[in-house]
Amino acid sequence: MLASGMDARSYARILGSNDRVHLGIVGCGSRSEDYVGMAQIANKQIPVDIVAVCDIWNKARERRAAQVKQEMNLKPQKYKYLEEPAQQIRTGV
């Protein structure tokens, strides 16, 4: 951070940097069902989007993505492995 000349306080001055919270759910088992509800509650105070779901089990991942779509009208990215988003950034895929 210091190398780029920005500290934590400077992010508050970036227009729109604190307007929306993006969440990803890692592990889409039964416990994560409540996370969608918590995001909806938080959404009453500050805009919250669930932008990604990640689970090695296809059924759990698809079920949680469907819940997010139904309850929040969002279409999250779906990942099998936690490393996939970083790999996409590095490779541009």
Protein backbone atom coordinates (compact mmCIF):
# COMPACT_ATOMS: atom_id res chain seq x y z
CA MET A 1 0.00 0.00 0.00
CA LEU A 2 2.67 2.47 0.90
CA ALA A 3 4.54 1.77 -2.30
CA SER A 4 1.56 2.96 -4.29
CA GLY A 5 1.07 5.98 -2.04
CA MET A 6 -2.33 4.91 -0.73
CA ASP A 7 -3.23 4.06 2.82
CA ALA A 8 -6.52 2.75 4.22
CA ARG A 9 -7.91 6.26 4.70
CA SER A 10 -7.44 7.13 1.05
CA TYR A 11 -9.91 4.44 -0.03
CA ALA A 12 -12.70 6.41 1.64
CA ARG A 13 -12.02 9.22 -0.84
CA ILE A 14 -12.45 7.00 -3.92
CA LEU A 15 -15.87 7.75 -5.35
CA GLY A 16 -18.14 4.76 -4.92
CA SER A 17 -15.61 2.61 -3.07
CA ASN A 18 -17.91 2.10 -0.10
CA ASP A 19 -21.26 2.12 -1.90
CA ARG A 20 -21.71 -1.63 -2.21
CA VAL A 21 -20.46 -4.77 -0.46
CA HIS A 22 -19.73 -7.82 -2.62
CA LEU A 23 -19.80 -11.19 -0.88
CA GLY A 24 -18.75 -14.66 -1.92
CA ILE A 25 -19.93 -17.83 -0.21
CA VAL A 26 -17.20 -20.44 0.18
CA GLY A 27 -18.70 -23.76 1.18
CA CYS A 28 -22.32 -24.04 0.12
CA GLY A 29 -23.56 -26.67 2.54
CA SER A 30 -26.68 -26.33 4.68
CA ARG A 31 -25.11 -23.73 7.02
CA SER A 32 -24.59 -21.32 4.14
CA GLU A 33 -28.35 -21.10 3.56
CA ASP A 34 -28.48 -18.60 6.42
CA TYR A 35 -25.81 -16.43 4.80
CA VAL A 36 -28.24 -15.41 2.08
CA GLY A 37 -30.75 -14.32 4.71
CA MET A 38 -28.07 -12.39 6.60
CA ALA A 39 -27.08 -10.62 3.38
CA GLN A 40 -30.71 -9.63 2.85
CA ILE A 41 -30.91 -8.21 6.38
CA ALA A 42 -27.65 -6.29 5.89
CA ASN A 43 -28.97 -5.05 2.55
CA LYS A 44 -31.47 -2.90 4.45
CA GLN A 45 -28.57 -0.80 5.77
CA ILE A 46 -26.03 -0.91 2.93
CA PRO A 47 -26.27 -2.48 -0.54
CA VAL A 48 -24.98 -6.06 -0.37
CA ASP A 49 -24.62 -8.42 -3.33
CA ILE A 50 -23.65 -12.08 -3.24
CA VAL A 51 -21.47 -12.21 -6.33
CA ALA A 52 -19.99 -15.72 -6.10
CA VAL A 53 -20.57 -19.16 -4.66
CA CYS A 54 -17.86 -21.80 -4.33
CA ASP A 55 -18.11 -25.47 -3.43
CA ILE A 56 -16.50 -28.66 -4.69
CA TRP A 57 -19.92 -30.34 -4.69
CA ASN A 58 -21.94 -29.42 -7.78
CA LYS A 59 -25.31 -29.97 -6.11
CA ALA A 60 -24.50 -27.71 -3.14
CA ARG A 61 -23.03 -25.01 -5.40
CA GLU A 62 -26.01 -25.04 -7.77
CA ARG A 63 -28.53 -25.07 -4.91
CA ARG A 64 -26.95 -22.01 -3.26
CA ALA A 65 -26.69 -20.13 -6.57
CA ALA A 66 -30.39 -20.88 -7.20
CA GLN A 67 -31.26 -19.56 -3.72
CA VAL A 68 -29.33 -16.34 -4.35
CA LYS A 69 -31.11 -15.95 -7.71
CA GLN A 70 -34.54 -16.56 -6.19
CA GLU A 71 -34.21 -14.53 -3.01
CA MET A 72 -31.94 -11.68 -4.13
CA ASN A 73 -32.49 -11.64 -7.91
CA LEU A 74 -28.74 -11.96 -8.47
CA LYS A 75 -26.80 -14.41 -10.61
CA PRO A 76 -23.59 -15.23 -8.74
CA GLN A 77 -20.50 -16.63 -10.42
CA LYS A 78 -20.07 -20.32 -9.62
CA TYR A 79 -16.70 -21.84 -8.78
CA LYS A 80 -15.69 -25.36 -7.87
CA TYR A 81 -12.35 -24.38 -6.35
CA LEU A 82 -11.44 -21.30 -4.34
CA GLU A 83 -8.40 -20.66 -6.54
CA GLU A 84 -10.43 -20.32 -9.76
CA PRO A 85 -11.12 -16.54 -9.59
CA ALA A 86 -7.43 -15.76 -9.06
CA GLN A 87 -6.48 -18.05 -11.95
CA GLN A 88 -8.96 -16.25 -14.20
CA ILE A 89 -7.46 -12.90 -13.29
CA ARG A 90 -3.91 -14.12 -13.96
CA THR A 91 -4.73 -15.80 -17.26
CA GLY A 92 -7.40 -13.39 -18.46
CA VAL A 93 -9.87 -16.26 -19.01
